[in-house]
Each structure stands twice: as structure tokens, then as C-alpha cells.
Amino acid sequence: MNKHVLHIVTSAVCILIPVIGLLYGLWDSHQPKTGPVGDGQPNYPTVPQLIPIFSCFIIGVLNLPLAIMRYRQNKKSSKDKES
């Protein structure tokens, strides 16, 4: 696996993991927690908890087009070198 494919895969992971984590966190916050675990009130994520999630998502979104562009350039240059 070359570095360009790894860049694409990493960008896709940076997009998917925060989305899945945020959906799981929201689902978990709506589950009733009574007794020794909680008082039944939903525990929504705070802004400091959301900053890493959103920043990872934004980094993935910004890097994916760059990774695809570099992969295409590398593919084109490797075809030129073969010819």
C-alpha cells in the first residue's frame, strides 16, 4: 500500500469515526439511567467534548480531496514513466 492510498484511507477514517462516535454518544445520552447510575436526565455532550470530534471530521473533509488529487497525479506520473 503506497502513501497516497494510506492518505485516502486515513481521511475516510477521520470522517467516519467522529460521525459514528457522535451518533453513539447521542444514542447513549437518551438511554434512561436511573438508580446508582444516574437520575434519569440525559447527559448531552458539552462544547469541550465536541471540539475534538468536529476538528477530526473537518480535517478528514479537507484532506480527502487533497489525497485524491495527489493519488491521481501519482498515477498519471507513474504511467508516464512506464511509457
N, C-alpha and C. Protein backbone atom coordinates (compact mmCIF):
# COMPACT_ATOMS: atom_id res chain seq x y z
N MET A 1 0.85 -1.17 0.00
CA MET A 1 0.00 0.00 0.00
C MET A 1 0.90 1.23 0.00
N ASN A 2 0.72 2.09 -0.96
CA ASN A 2 1.58 3.26 -1.01
C ASN A 2 1.01 4.38 -0.15
N LYS A 3 1.78 5.43 -0.02
CA LYS A 3 1.40 6.51 0.90
C LYS A 3 0.18 7.29 0.45
N HIS A 4 -0.12 7.29 -0.84
CA HIS A 4 -1.28 8.03 -1.33
C HIS A 4 -2.57 7.31 -0.97
N VAL A 5 -2.57 6.00 -1.09
CA VAL A 5 -3.75 5.23 -0.70
C VAL A 5 -3.94 5.32 0.81
N LEU A 6 -2.86 5.28 1.57
CA LEU A 6 -2.94 5.41 3.02
C LEU A 6 -3.52 6.78 3.41
N HIS A 7 -3.18 7.82 2.67
CA HIS A 7 -3.71 9.16 2.93
C HIS A 7 -5.22 9.19 2.68
N ILE A 8 -5.68 8.53 1.64
CA ILE A 8 -7.11 8.47 1.34
C ILE A 8 -7.85 7.70 2.43
N VAL A 9 -7.29 6.56 2.83
CA VAL A 9 -7.93 5.74 3.86
C VAL A 9 -7.98 6.48 5.19
N THR A 10 -6.90 7.16 5.55
CA THR A 10 -6.86 7.91 6.80
C THR A 10 -7.87 9.05 6.78
N SER A 11 -8.02 9.72 5.66
CA SER A 11 -9.01 10.79 5.55
C SER A 11 -10.43 10.25 5.69
N ALA A 12 -10.68 9.10 5.10
CA ALA A 12 -12.01 8.49 5.22
C ALA A 12 -12.30 8.07 6.66
N VAL A 13 -11.29 7.55 7.33
CA VAL A 13 -11.45 7.16 8.74
C VAL A 13 -11.70 8.40 9.60
N CYS A 14 -11.01 9.50 9.29
CA CYS A 14 -11.22 10.75 10.04
C CYS A 14 -12.61 11.33 9.80
N ILE A 15 -13.26 10.92 8.76
CA ILE A 15 -14.64 11.36 8.52
C ILE A 15 -15.63 10.43 9.21
N LEU A 16 -15.40 9.12 9.13
CA LEU A 16 -16.37 8.15 9.63
C LEU A 16 -16.36 8.00 11.15
N ILE A 17 -15.19 7.94 11.75
CA ILE A 17 -15.10 7.68 13.20
C ILE A 17 -15.82 8.76 14.02
N PRO A 18 -15.62 10.06 13.77
CA PRO A 18 -16.35 11.05 14.56
C PRO A 18 -17.87 10.98 14.36
N VAL A 19 -18.31 10.68 13.15
CA VAL A 19 -19.76 10.58 12.90
C VAL A 19 -20.33 9.42 13.70
N ILE A 20 -19.67 8.27 13.65
CA ILE A 20 -20.14 7.11 14.39
C ILE A 20 -20.09 7.38 15.89
N GLY A 21 -19.00 7.98 16.36
CA GLY A 21 -18.88 8.29 17.79
C GLY A 21 -19.92 9.28 18.27
N LEU A 22 -20.21 10.30 17.47
CA LEU A 22 -21.22 11.28 17.85
C LEU A 22 -22.61 10.66 17.88
N LEU A 23 -22.92 9.84 16.88
CA LEU A 23 -24.23 9.17 16.88
C LEU A 23 -24.37 8.22 18.06
N TYR A 24 -23.30 7.48 18.38
CA TYR A 24 -23.35 6.60 19.53
C TYR A 24 -23.51 7.40 20.83
N GLY A 25 -22.80 8.51 20.95
CA GLY A 25 -22.90 9.34 22.15
C GLY A 25 -24.29 9.91 22.33
N LEU A 26 -24.90 10.37 21.24
CA LEU A 26 -26.26 10.89 21.33
C LEU A 26 -27.26 9.79 21.65
N TRP A 27 -27.07 8.62 21.08
CA TRP A 27 -27.95 7.50 21.39
C TRP A 27 -27.81 7.12 22.86
N ASP A 28 -26.58 7.06 23.34
CA ASP A 28 -26.34 6.67 24.74
C ASP A 28 -26.88 7.70 25.71
N SER A 29 -26.84 8.98 25.33
CA SER A 29 -27.34 10.01 26.24
C SER A 29 -28.86 9.95 26.39
N HIS A 30 -29.55 9.37 25.43
CA HIS A 30 -31.00 9.26 25.52
C HIS A 30 -31.47 7.97 26.17
N GLN A 31 -30.56 7.10 26.58
CA GLN A 31 -30.94 5.88 27.28
C GLN A 31 -31.22 6.23 28.74
N PRO A 32 -32.32 5.71 29.30
CA PRO A 32 -32.65 6.06 30.68
C PRO A 32 -31.61 5.48 31.65
N LYS A 33 -31.12 6.34 32.51
CA LYS A 33 -30.15 5.95 33.52
C LYS A 33 -30.72 6.35 34.88
N THR A 34 -31.21 5.37 35.60
CA THR A 34 -31.78 5.64 36.92
C THR A 34 -31.07 4.80 37.96
N GLY A 35 -31.29 5.12 39.18
CA GLY A 35 -30.66 4.38 40.27
C GLY A 35 -29.26 4.88 40.52
N PRO A 36 -28.33 3.97 40.83
CA PRO A 36 -26.98 4.39 41.16
C PRO A 36 -26.21 4.95 39.95
N VAL A 37 -26.71 4.73 38.73
CA VAL A 37 -26.02 5.18 37.54
C VAL A 37 -26.32 6.64 37.24
N GLY A 38 -27.53 7.09 37.48
CA GLY A 38 -27.89 8.47 37.17
C GLY A 38 -29.27 8.81 37.69
N ASP A 39 -29.71 10.03 37.41
CA ASP A 39 -31.00 10.48 37.91
C ASP A 39 -32.08 10.52 36.83
N GLY A 40 -31.83 9.96 35.67
CA GLY A 40 -32.82 9.91 34.61
C GLY A 40 -32.74 11.07 33.63
N GLN A 41 -31.90 12.05 33.88
CA GLN A 41 -31.75 13.19 32.98
C GLN A 41 -30.71 12.87 31.91
N PRO A 42 -30.98 13.24 30.63
CA PRO A 42 -29.98 12.99 29.58
C PRO A 42 -28.71 13.80 29.81
N ASN A 43 -27.59 13.20 29.52
CA ASN A 43 -26.29 13.84 29.69
C ASN A 43 -25.76 14.19 28.31
N TYR A 44 -26.08 15.39 27.83
CA TYR A 44 -25.68 15.81 26.49
C TYR A 44 -24.20 16.16 26.45
N PRO A 45 -23.55 15.98 25.27
CA PRO A 45 -22.13 16.35 25.18
C PRO A 45 -21.95 17.86 25.30
N THR A 46 -20.86 18.25 25.92
CA THR A 46 -20.55 19.66 26.09
C THR A 46 -19.66 20.13 24.94
N VAL A 47 -19.46 21.44 24.86
CA VAL A 47 -18.64 22.01 23.79
C VAL A 47 -17.20 21.48 23.84
N PRO A 48 -16.55 21.40 25.01
CA PRO A 48 -15.18 20.84 25.02
C PRO A 48 -15.13 19.38 24.57
N GLN A 49 -16.20 18.64 24.77
CA GLN A 49 -16.23 17.25 24.29
C GLN A 49 -16.45 17.19 22.78
N LEU A 50 -17.12 18.17 22.22
CA LEU A 50 -17.42 18.16 20.78
C LEU A 50 -16.29 18.72 19.93
N ILE A 51 -15.41 19.53 20.50
CA ILE A 51 -14.31 20.14 19.72
C ILE A 51 -13.42 19.09 19.05
N PRO A 52 -12.93 18.05 19.76
CA PRO A 52 -12.11 17.05 19.05
C PRO A 52 -12.87 16.29 17.97
N ILE A 53 -14.15 16.04 18.20
CA ILE A 53 -14.95 15.31 17.22
C ILE A 53 -15.09 16.14 15.94
N PHE A 54 -15.46 17.41 16.09
CA PHE A 54 -15.64 18.26 14.92
C PHE A 54 -14.32 18.55 14.22
N SER A 55 -13.25 18.74 14.99
CA SER A 55 -11.96 19.04 14.36
C SER A 55 -11.45 17.85 13.57
N CYS A 56 -11.62 16.64 14.08
CA CYS A 56 -11.21 15.44 13.34
C CYS A 56 -12.03 15.31 12.06
N PHE A 57 -13.32 15.57 12.14
CA PHE A 57 -14.19 15.50 10.96
C PHE A 57 -13.78 16.53 9.91
N ILE A 58 -13.52 17.76 10.35
CA ILE A 58 -13.13 18.81 9.42
C ILE A 58 -11.79 18.51 8.77
N ILE A 59 -10.84 17.98 9.55
CA ILE A 59 -9.54 17.60 8.98
C ILE A 59 -9.72 16.52 7.91
N GLY A 60 -10.57 15.55 8.17
CA GLY A 60 -10.82 14.50 7.18
C GLY A 60 -11.47 15.03 5.92
N VAL A 61 -12.44 15.94 6.08
CA VAL A 61 -13.13 16.51 4.92
C VAL A 61 -12.18 17.36 4.09
N LEU A 62 -11.30 18.11 4.74
CA LEU A 62 -10.37 18.96 3.99
C LEU A 62 -9.25 18.16 3.33
N ASN A 63 -8.84 17.06 3.93
CA ASN A 63 -7.73 16.28 3.39
C ASN A 63 -8.15 15.28 2.32
N LEU A 64 -9.41 14.87 2.29
CA LEU A 64 -9.83 13.86 1.31
C LEU A 64 -9.66 14.34 -0.13
N PRO A 65 -10.12 15.54 -0.51
CA PRO A 65 -9.89 15.97 -1.89
C PRO A 65 -8.41 16.10 -2.22
N LEU A 66 -7.62 16.56 -1.26
CA LEU A 66 -6.18 16.68 -1.46
C LEU A 66 -5.56 15.30 -1.69
N ALA A 67 -5.98 14.33 -0.91
CA ALA A 67 -5.44 12.97 -1.06
C ALA A 67 -5.81 12.38 -2.41
N ILE A 68 -7.04 12.59 -2.84
CA ILE A 68 -7.47 12.06 -4.15
C ILE A 68 -6.70 12.75 -5.27
N MET A 69 -6.49 14.05 -5.16
CA MET A 69 -5.75 14.79 -6.17
C MET A 69 -4.30 14.28 -6.26
N ARG A 70 -3.66 14.08 -5.13
CA ARG A 70 -2.28 13.58 -5.14
C ARG A 70 -2.21 12.16 -5.67
N TYR A 71 -3.21 11.33 -5.39
CA TYR A 71 -3.23 9.97 -5.90
C TYR A 71 -3.33 9.98 -7.42
N ARG A 72 -4.19 10.83 -7.96
CA ARG A 72 -4.33 10.91 -9.42
C ARG A 72 -3.05 11.42 -10.07
N GLN A 73 -2.39 12.40 -9.46
CA GLN A 73 -1.12 12.90 -10.00
C GLN A 73 -0.06 11.81 -9.99
N ASN A 74 0.00 11.04 -8.92
CA ASN A 74 0.98 9.96 -8.82
C ASN A 74 0.68 8.87 -9.85
N LYS A 75 -0.60 8.57 -10.04
CA LYS A 75 -0.98 7.56 -11.01
C LYS A 75 -0.61 8.00 -12.42
N LYS A 76 -0.84 9.29 -12.72
CA LYS A 76 -0.51 9.81 -14.04
C LYS A 76 1.00 9.82 -14.26
N SER A 77 1.76 10.22 -13.26
CA SER A 77 3.22 10.27 -13.42
C SER A 77 3.82 8.87 -13.53
N SER A 78 3.23 7.90 -12.83
CA SER A 78 3.76 6.54 -12.96
C SER A 78 3.45 5.96 -14.34
N LYS A 79 2.32 6.33 -14.95
CA LYS A 79 2.03 5.89 -16.32
C LYS A 79 2.99 6.53 -17.30
N ASP A 80 3.34 7.80 -17.08
CA ASP A 80 4.28 8.49 -17.96
C ASP A 80 5.67 7.87 -17.88
N LYS A 81 6.06 7.45 -16.70
CA LYS A 81 7.39 6.84 -16.53
C LYS A 81 7.46 5.47 -17.20
N GLU A 82 6.33 4.75 -17.22
CA GLU A 82 6.31 3.43 -17.86
C GLU A 82 6.42 3.55 -19.38
N SER A 83 5.84 4.59 -19.94
CA SER A 83 5.83 4.75 -21.41
C SER A 83 7.15 5.17 -21.98
